[in-house]
Amino acid sequence: MPATISVKTGSRIDMIDITSLVIGEVSKSGVTDGICVVYVPHTTGGVTINEGADPAVCLDIIRKLNELVPPNDRYRHMEGNSDSHIKTSLMGSSVTVIVENSRLVLGTWQKIFFCEFDGPRSRKAYVKTLKG
């Protein structure tokens, strides 16, 4: 059974660093070498890996996504959140990270981000660590 991470988002569109939560779940798993999959079971929330040292990177990603997929366009979906579904599809619903010596193999500046596109909400992500 995968571990569950709870995420509370603060705005309609947000990127929240969940790296430390994922590291905690990898540690609890006891897996020293393998892979870690982070999966988000939402149609308007996703997950990505990107730079976490400079918060401006997330702001730039959000700004560009809003330019590419504006909130109000000629969408047919009646709930008014079509842009959220499209942004989620662009970001994706899962990431996979190598685990080596009980640690996530991430680049120097890389972090794992939960991407909210229809918040604020209480969300979850699943973490599954597999032996290699």
N, C-alpha and C. Protein backbone atom coordinates (compact mmCIF):
# COMPACT_ATOMS: atom_id res chain seq x y z
N MET A 1 0.85 -1.19 0.00
CA MET A 1 0.00 0.00 0.00
C MET A 1 0.89 1.24 0.00
N PRO A 2 0.59 2.21 -0.84
CA PRO A 2 1.41 3.43 -0.84
C PRO A 2 1.14 4.29 0.40
N ALA A 3 2.13 5.07 0.76
CA ALA A 3 1.96 6.06 1.83
C ALA A 3 1.18 7.24 1.26
N THR A 4 0.47 7.94 2.12
CA THR A 4 -0.29 9.11 1.69
C THR A 4 0.30 10.37 2.32
N ILE A 5 0.53 11.37 1.49
CA ILE A 5 0.97 12.69 1.94
C ILE A 5 -0.22 13.62 1.81
N SER A 6 -0.52 14.37 2.86
CA SER A 6 -1.59 15.37 2.81
C SER A 6 -0.99 16.73 2.49
N VAL A 7 -1.66 17.45 1.60
CA VAL A 7 -1.21 18.77 1.19
C VAL A 7 -2.39 19.72 1.26
N LYS A 8 -2.22 20.84 1.95
CA LYS A 8 -3.26 21.87 1.99
C LYS A 8 -2.75 23.04 1.15
N THR A 9 -3.50 23.36 0.10
CA THR A 9 -3.07 24.43 -0.80
C THR A 9 -3.74 25.74 -0.39
N GLY A 10 -3.07 26.85 -0.68
CA GLY A 10 -3.52 28.14 -0.19
C GLY A 10 -4.16 29.05 -1.22
N SER A 11 -4.06 28.68 -2.49
CA SER A 11 -4.63 29.55 -3.52
C SER A 11 -5.08 28.70 -4.71
N ARG A 12 -5.71 29.35 -5.68
CA ARG A 12 -6.22 28.59 -6.83
C ARG A 12 -5.10 27.89 -7.57
N ILE A 13 -4.00 28.60 -7.78
CA ILE A 13 -2.84 28.01 -8.45
C ILE A 13 -1.65 28.17 -7.53
N ASP A 14 -0.95 27.06 -7.30
CA ASP A 14 0.13 27.07 -6.32
C ASP A 14 1.07 25.91 -6.62
N MET A 15 2.32 26.07 -6.26
CA MET A 15 3.30 24.98 -6.32
C MET A 15 3.89 24.85 -4.93
N ILE A 16 3.72 23.69 -4.33
CA ILE A 16 4.14 23.46 -2.94
C ILE A 16 5.23 22.40 -2.91
N ASP A 17 6.35 22.74 -2.29
CA ASP A 17 7.48 21.83 -2.15
C ASP A 17 7.10 20.70 -1.19
N ILE A 18 7.06 19.48 -1.70
CA ILE A 18 6.74 18.32 -0.86
C ILE A 18 7.95 17.39 -0.71
N THR A 19 9.12 17.87 -1.10
CA THR A 19 10.31 17.03 -1.08
C THR A 19 10.58 16.41 0.28
N SER A 20 10.53 17.21 1.34
CA SER A 20 10.83 16.68 2.67
C SER A 20 9.81 15.62 3.09
N LEU A 21 8.56 15.78 2.69
CA LEU A 21 7.54 14.78 3.00
C LEU A 21 7.83 13.46 2.27
N VAL A 22 8.26 13.57 1.02
CA VAL A 22 8.60 12.38 0.24
C VAL A 22 9.83 11.70 0.85
N ILE A 23 10.83 12.49 1.22
CA ILE A 23 12.04 11.93 1.86
C ILE A 23 11.65 11.16 3.12
N GLY A 24 10.74 11.71 3.90
CA GLY A 24 10.28 11.03 5.11
C GLY A 24 9.65 9.69 4.81
N GLU A 25 8.86 9.61 3.75
CA GLU A 25 8.22 8.35 3.39
C GLU A 25 9.23 7.33 2.85
N VAL A 26 10.23 7.82 2.11
CA VAL A 26 11.28 6.92 1.64
C VAL A 26 12.03 6.35 2.84
N SER A 27 12.32 7.19 3.81
CA SER A 27 13.02 6.74 5.02
C SER A 27 12.20 5.68 5.76
N LYS A 28 10.91 5.93 5.92
CA LYS A 28 10.02 4.97 6.60
C LYS A 28 9.94 3.64 5.87
N SER A 29 10.09 3.67 4.56
CA SER A 29 9.94 2.45 3.76
C SER A 29 11.07 1.45 4.01
N GLY A 30 12.23 1.95 4.40
CA GLY A 30 13.38 1.08 4.62
C GLY A 30 14.09 0.67 3.34
N VAL A 31 13.64 1.16 2.20
CA VAL A 31 14.28 0.82 0.93
C VAL A 31 15.58 1.61 0.81
N THR A 32 16.68 0.90 0.54
CA THR A 32 17.97 1.57 0.40
C THR A 32 18.32 1.85 -1.05
N ASP A 33 17.90 0.96 -1.95
CA ASP A 33 18.15 1.15 -3.37
C ASP A 33 16.92 0.73 -4.15
N GLY A 34 16.44 1.61 -5.02
CA GLY A 34 15.25 1.31 -5.80
C GLY A 34 14.72 2.55 -6.47
N ILE A 35 13.39 2.67 -6.49
CA ILE A 35 12.75 3.86 -7.06
C ILE A 35 11.61 4.31 -6.16
N CYS A 36 11.32 5.57 -6.26
CA CYS A 36 10.21 6.18 -5.53
C CYS A 36 9.27 6.81 -6.56
N VAL A 37 8.02 6.44 -6.48
CA VAL A 37 7.00 7.03 -7.36
C VAL A 37 6.10 7.90 -6.51
N VAL A 38 5.90 9.14 -6.96
CA VAL A 38 4.96 10.06 -6.33
C VAL A 38 3.82 10.24 -7.33
N TYR A 39 2.61 9.89 -6.90
CA TYR A 39 1.44 9.94 -7.78
C TYR A 39 0.35 10.80 -7.14
N VAL A 40 -0.24 11.67 -7.94
CA VAL A 40 -1.31 12.56 -7.48
C VAL A 40 -2.63 12.10 -8.11
N PRO A 41 -3.62 11.71 -7.29
CA PRO A 41 -4.87 11.17 -7.81
C PRO A 41 -5.96 12.23 -8.05
N HIS A 42 -5.56 13.37 -8.59
CA HIS A 42 -6.51 14.46 -8.81
C HIS A 42 -6.48 14.89 -10.27
N THR A 43 -7.61 15.34 -10.79
CA THR A 43 -7.67 15.79 -12.19
C THR A 43 -7.33 17.26 -12.34
N THR A 44 -7.22 17.98 -11.22
CA THR A 44 -6.84 19.40 -11.29
C THR A 44 -5.65 19.70 -10.38
N GLY A 45 -4.86 18.68 -10.09
CA GLY A 45 -3.63 18.84 -9.32
C GLY A 45 -2.61 17.85 -9.83
N GLY A 46 -1.36 18.27 -9.93
CA GLY A 46 -0.33 17.40 -10.48
C GLY A 46 0.94 17.44 -9.65
N VAL A 47 2.01 16.95 -10.24
CA VAL A 47 3.30 16.91 -9.56
C VAL A 47 4.40 17.08 -10.60
N THR A 48 5.48 17.76 -10.19
CA THR A 48 6.61 17.96 -11.09
C THR A 48 7.89 18.08 -10.27
N ILE A 49 9.01 17.97 -10.95
CA ILE A 49 10.32 18.20 -10.35
C ILE A 49 10.92 19.40 -11.06
N ASN A 50 11.39 20.37 -10.26
CA ASN A 50 12.03 21.54 -10.85
C ASN A 50 12.89 22.22 -9.80
N GLU A 51 13.43 23.37 -10.15
CA GLU A 51 14.32 24.08 -9.22
C GLU A 51 13.55 24.55 -8.00
N GLY A 52 14.16 24.34 -6.83
CA GLY A 52 13.53 24.75 -5.59
C GLY A 52 14.31 25.80 -4.83
N ALA A 53 15.46 26.23 -5.35
CA ALA A 53 16.29 27.20 -4.62
C ALA A 53 15.76 28.62 -4.76
N ASP A 54 15.21 28.95 -5.91
CA ASP A 54 14.72 30.30 -6.17
C ASP A 54 13.21 30.25 -6.36
N PRO A 55 12.43 30.83 -5.43
CA PRO A 55 10.96 30.79 -5.56
C PRO A 55 10.44 31.46 -6.84
N ALA A 56 11.27 32.28 -7.46
CA ALA A 56 10.84 32.94 -8.70
C ALA A 56 10.60 31.92 -9.81
N VAL A 57 11.26 30.77 -9.76
CA VAL A 57 11.06 29.75 -10.78
C VAL A 57 9.61 29.29 -10.78
N CYS A 58 9.07 28.97 -9.61
CA CYS A 58 7.66 28.55 -9.54
C CYS A 58 6.73 29.66 -10.00
N LEU A 59 7.02 30.88 -9.63
CA LEU A 59 6.20 32.01 -10.07
C LEU A 59 6.24 32.14 -11.59
N ASP A 60 7.42 31.94 -12.18
CA ASP A 60 7.54 32.01 -13.64
C ASP A 60 6.77 30.88 -14.31
N ILE A 61 6.84 29.68 -13.75
CA ILE A 61 6.09 28.54 -14.31
C ILE A 61 4.60 28.82 -14.27
N ILE A 62 4.12 29.29 -13.14
CA ILE A 62 2.69 29.60 -13.00
C ILE A 62 2.27 30.70 -13.98
N ARG A 63 3.08 31.74 -14.10
CA ARG A 63 2.77 32.83 -15.02
C ARG A 63 2.68 32.33 -16.46
N LYS A 64 3.65 31.51 -16.85
CA LYS A 64 3.67 31.01 -18.22
C LYS A 64 2.50 30.05 -18.48
N LEU A 65 2.18 29.19 -17.50
CA LEU A 65 1.02 28.31 -17.67
C LEU A 65 -0.26 29.12 -17.83
N ASN A 66 -0.39 30.22 -17.08
CA ASN A 66 -1.58 31.07 -17.20
C ASN A 66 -1.63 31.76 -18.56
N GLU A 67 -0.46 32.09 -19.12
CA GLU A 67 -0.43 32.68 -20.47
C GLU A 67 -0.82 31.64 -21.52
N LEU A 68 -0.29 30.42 -21.37
CA LEU A 68 -0.56 29.37 -22.35
C LEU A 68 -1.99 28.86 -22.25
N VAL A 69 -2.49 28.78 -21.02
CA VAL A 69 -3.83 28.24 -20.77
C VAL A 69 -4.56 29.21 -19.85
N PRO A 70 -5.13 30.28 -20.41
CA PRO A 70 -5.80 31.28 -19.58
C PRO A 70 -7.03 30.72 -18.87
N PRO A 71 -7.33 31.25 -17.69
CA PRO A 71 -8.48 30.76 -16.92
C PRO A 71 -9.80 30.88 -17.67
N ASN A 72 -9.96 31.92 -18.43
CA ASN A 72 -11.23 32.13 -19.15
C ASN A 72 -10.97 32.16 -20.64
N ASP A 73 -11.35 31.10 -21.29
CA ASP A 73 -11.24 31.00 -22.73
C ASP A 73 -12.54 30.35 -23.20
N ARG A 74 -12.61 29.92 -24.39
CA ARG A 74 -13.85 29.35 -24.90
C ARG A 74 -13.96 27.86 -24.57
N TYR A 75 -13.88 27.52 -23.30
CA TYR A 75 -13.93 26.13 -22.86
C TYR A 75 -15.37 25.64 -22.84
N ARG A 76 -15.57 24.36 -23.05
CA ARG A 76 -16.90 23.77 -23.06
C ARG A 76 -17.26 23.12 -21.72
N HIS A 77 -16.26 22.77 -20.95
CA HIS A 77 -16.50 22.12 -19.65
C HIS A 77 -17.30 23.07 -18.76
N MET A 78 -18.39 22.61 -18.21
CA MET A 78 -19.34 23.47 -17.52
C MET A 78 -18.92 23.90 -16.11
N GLU A 79 -17.94 23.24 -15.51
CA GLU A 79 -17.56 23.57 -14.13
C GLU A 79 -16.70 24.82 -14.02
N GLY A 80 -16.22 25.34 -15.14
CA GLY A 80 -15.43 26.56 -15.10
C GLY A 80 -13.97 26.36 -14.71
N ASN A 81 -13.50 25.12 -14.76
CA ASN A 81 -12.11 24.88 -14.39
C ASN A 81 -11.35 24.10 -15.47
N SER A 82 -11.73 24.30 -16.71
CA SER A 82 -11.06 23.59 -17.80
C SER A 82 -9.57 23.90 -17.84
N ASP A 83 -9.22 25.16 -17.56
CA ASP A 83 -7.80 25.50 -17.56
C ASP A 83 -7.04 24.66 -16.53
N SER A 84 -7.68 24.34 -15.41
CA SER A 84 -7.05 23.52 -14.38
C SER A 84 -6.78 22.11 -14.88
N HIS A 85 -7.71 21.54 -15.61
CA HIS A 85 -7.53 20.20 -16.17
C HIS A 85 -6.39 20.19 -17.19
N ILE A 86 -6.34 21.20 -18.02
CA ILE A 86 -5.31 21.27 -19.06
C ILE A 86 -3.93 21.45 -18.42
N LYS A 87 -3.82 22.34 -17.45
CA LYS A 87 -2.54 22.57 -16.76
C LYS A 87 -2.06 21.30 -16.07
N THR A 88 -2.99 20.56 -15.47
CA THR A 88 -2.64 19.30 -14.83
C THR A 88 -2.09 18.31 -15.85
N SER A 89 -2.74 18.23 -17.00
CA SER A 89 -2.24 17.33 -18.05
C SER A 89 -0.84 17.72 -18.52
N LEU A 90 -0.59 19.01 -18.59
CA LEU A 90 0.75 19.47 -19.00
C LEU A 90 1.81 19.11 -17.97
N MET A 91 1.49 19.23 -16.69
CA MET A 91 2.47 18.94 -15.63
C MET A 91 2.60 17.44 -15.39
N GLY A 92 1.50 16.72 -15.42
CA GLY A 92 1.54 15.28 -15.19
C GLY A 92 1.07 14.89 -13.80
N SER A 93 0.76 13.62 -13.66
CA SER A 93 0.21 13.13 -12.40
C SER A 93 1.21 12.31 -11.58
N SER A 94 2.43 12.10 -12.11
CA SER A 94 3.41 11.34 -11.34
C SER A 94 4.83 11.71 -11.72
N VAL A 95 5.74 11.44 -10.78
CA VAL A 95 7.18 11.55 -11.02
C VAL A 95 7.83 10.31 -10.42
N THR A 96 8.95 9.92 -10.97
CA THR A 96 9.71 8.79 -10.47
C THR A 96 11.13 9.26 -10.18
N VAL A 97 11.63 8.90 -8.99
CA VAL A 97 12.96 9.32 -8.58
C VAL A 97 13.73 8.08 -8.13
N ILE A 98 14.98 7.99 -8.53
CA ILE A 98 15.86 6.89 -8.11
C ILE A 98 16.16 7.05 -6.62
N VAL A 99 16.20 5.92 -5.90
CA VAL A 99 16.62 5.89 -4.50
C VAL A 99 17.95 5.13 -4.45
N GLU A 100 18.95 5.78 -3.90
CA GLU A 100 20.27 5.16 -3.77
C GLU A 100 20.83 5.48 -2.40
N ASN A 101 21.29 4.45 -1.69
CA ASN A 101 21.80 4.62 -0.33
C ASN A 101 20.77 5.32 0.56
N SER A 102 19.53 4.93 0.42
CA SER A 102 18.39 5.44 1.21
C SER A 102 18.07 6.91 0.95
N ARG A 103 18.58 7.47 -0.14
CA ARG A 103 18.34 8.88 -0.45
C ARG A 103 17.77 9.05 -1.85
N LEU A 104 16.93 10.06 -2.01
CA LEU A 104 16.44 10.40 -3.34
C LEU A 104 17.60 10.95 -4.16
N VAL A 105 17.71 10.50 -5.39
CA VAL A 105 18.75 11.01 -6.28
C VAL A 105 18.14 12.17 -7.07
N LEU A 106 18.27 13.36 -6.49
CA LEU A 106 17.79 14.59 -7.12
C LEU A 106 19.00 15.46 -7.43
N GLY A 107 18.88 16.31 -8.44
CA GLY A 107 19.94 17.26 -8.75
C GLY A 107 20.07 18.28 -7.63
N THR A 108 21.16 18.99 -7.64
CA THR A 108 21.48 19.95 -6.59
C THR A 108 20.33 20.89 -6.27
N TRP A 109 19.67 21.40 -7.29
CA TRP A 109 18.62 22.40 -7.08
C TRP A 109 17.21 21.82 -7.17
N GLN A 110 17.08 20.54 -7.46
CA GLN A 110 15.77 19.96 -7.71
C GLN A 110 14.97 19.70 -6.44
N LYS A 111 13.67 19.97 -6.55
CA LYS A 111 12.68 19.68 -5.51
C LYS A 111 11.46 19.06 -6.19
N ILE A 112 10.66 18.39 -5.39
CA ILE A 112 9.41 17.81 -5.88
C ILE A 112 8.27 18.74 -5.46
N PHE A 113 7.45 19.15 -6.43
CA PHE A 113 6.38 20.11 -6.17
C PHE A 113 5.00 19.51 -6.45
N PHE A 114 4.10 19.67 -5.48
CA PHE A 114 2.68 19.44 -5.74
C PHE A 114 2.17 20.68 -6.46
N CYS A 115 1.47 20.50 -7.56
CA CYS A 115 0.97 21.61 -8.37
C CYS A 115 -0.55 21.70 -8.22
N GLU A 116 -1.02 22.77 -7.65
CA GLU A 116 -2.45 23.01 -7.47
C GLU A 116 -2.93 23.92 -8.58
N PHE A 117 -4.05 23.52 -9.23
CA PHE A 117 -4.61 24.34 -10.29
C PHE A 117 -6.08 24.67 -10.09
N ASP A 118 -6.67 24.24 -8.96
CA ASP A 118 -8.09 24.51 -8.73
C ASP A 118 -8.36 24.58 -7.22
N GLY A 119 -7.53 25.34 -6.54
CA GLY A 119 -7.63 25.41 -5.08
C GLY A 119 -8.32 26.68 -4.63
N PRO A 120 -8.18 26.94 -3.34
CA PRO A 120 -7.46 26.14 -2.35
C PRO A 120 -8.24 24.90 -1.96
N ARG A 121 -7.49 23.83 -1.67
CA ARG A 121 -8.11 22.55 -1.32
C ARG A 121 -7.20 21.75 -0.39
N SER A 122 -7.78 20.71 0.17
CA SER A 122 -6.99 19.69 0.86
C SER A 122 -6.78 18.58 -0.15
N ARG A 123 -5.52 18.26 -0.39
CA ARG A 123 -5.16 17.29 -1.43
C ARG A 123 -4.33 16.17 -0.84
N LYS A 124 -4.03 15.19 -1.69
CA LYS A 124 -3.14 14.11 -1.26
C LYS A 124 -2.27 13.68 -2.43
N ALA A 125 -1.16 13.08 -2.05
CA ALA A 125 -0.26 12.44 -3.02
C ALA A 125 0.11 11.10 -2.42
N TYR A 126 0.28 10.11 -3.29
CA TYR A 126 0.70 8.79 -2.85
C TYR A 126 2.19 8.63 -3.14
N VAL A 127 2.88 7.97 -2.21
CA VAL A 127 4.31 7.70 -2.36
C VAL A 127 4.52 6.20 -2.23
N LYS A 128 5.12 5.62 -3.26
CA LYS A 128 5.42 4.19 -3.24
C LYS A 128 6.91 4.03 -3.53
N THR A 129 7.60 3.38 -2.61
CA THR A 129 9.03 3.15 -2.76
C THR A 129 9.24 1.65 -3.00
N LEU A 130 9.94 1.32 -4.08
CA LEU A 130 10.14 -0.06 -4.49
C LEU A 130 11.61 -0.42 -4.47
N LYS A 131 11.92 -1.62 -3.99
CA LYS A 131 13.31 -2.09 -3.98
C LYS A 131 13.78 -2.34 -5.40
N GLY A 132 15.04 -1.99 -5.64
CA GLY A 132 15.60 -2.14 -6.99
C GLY A 132 16.38 -3.40 -7.18
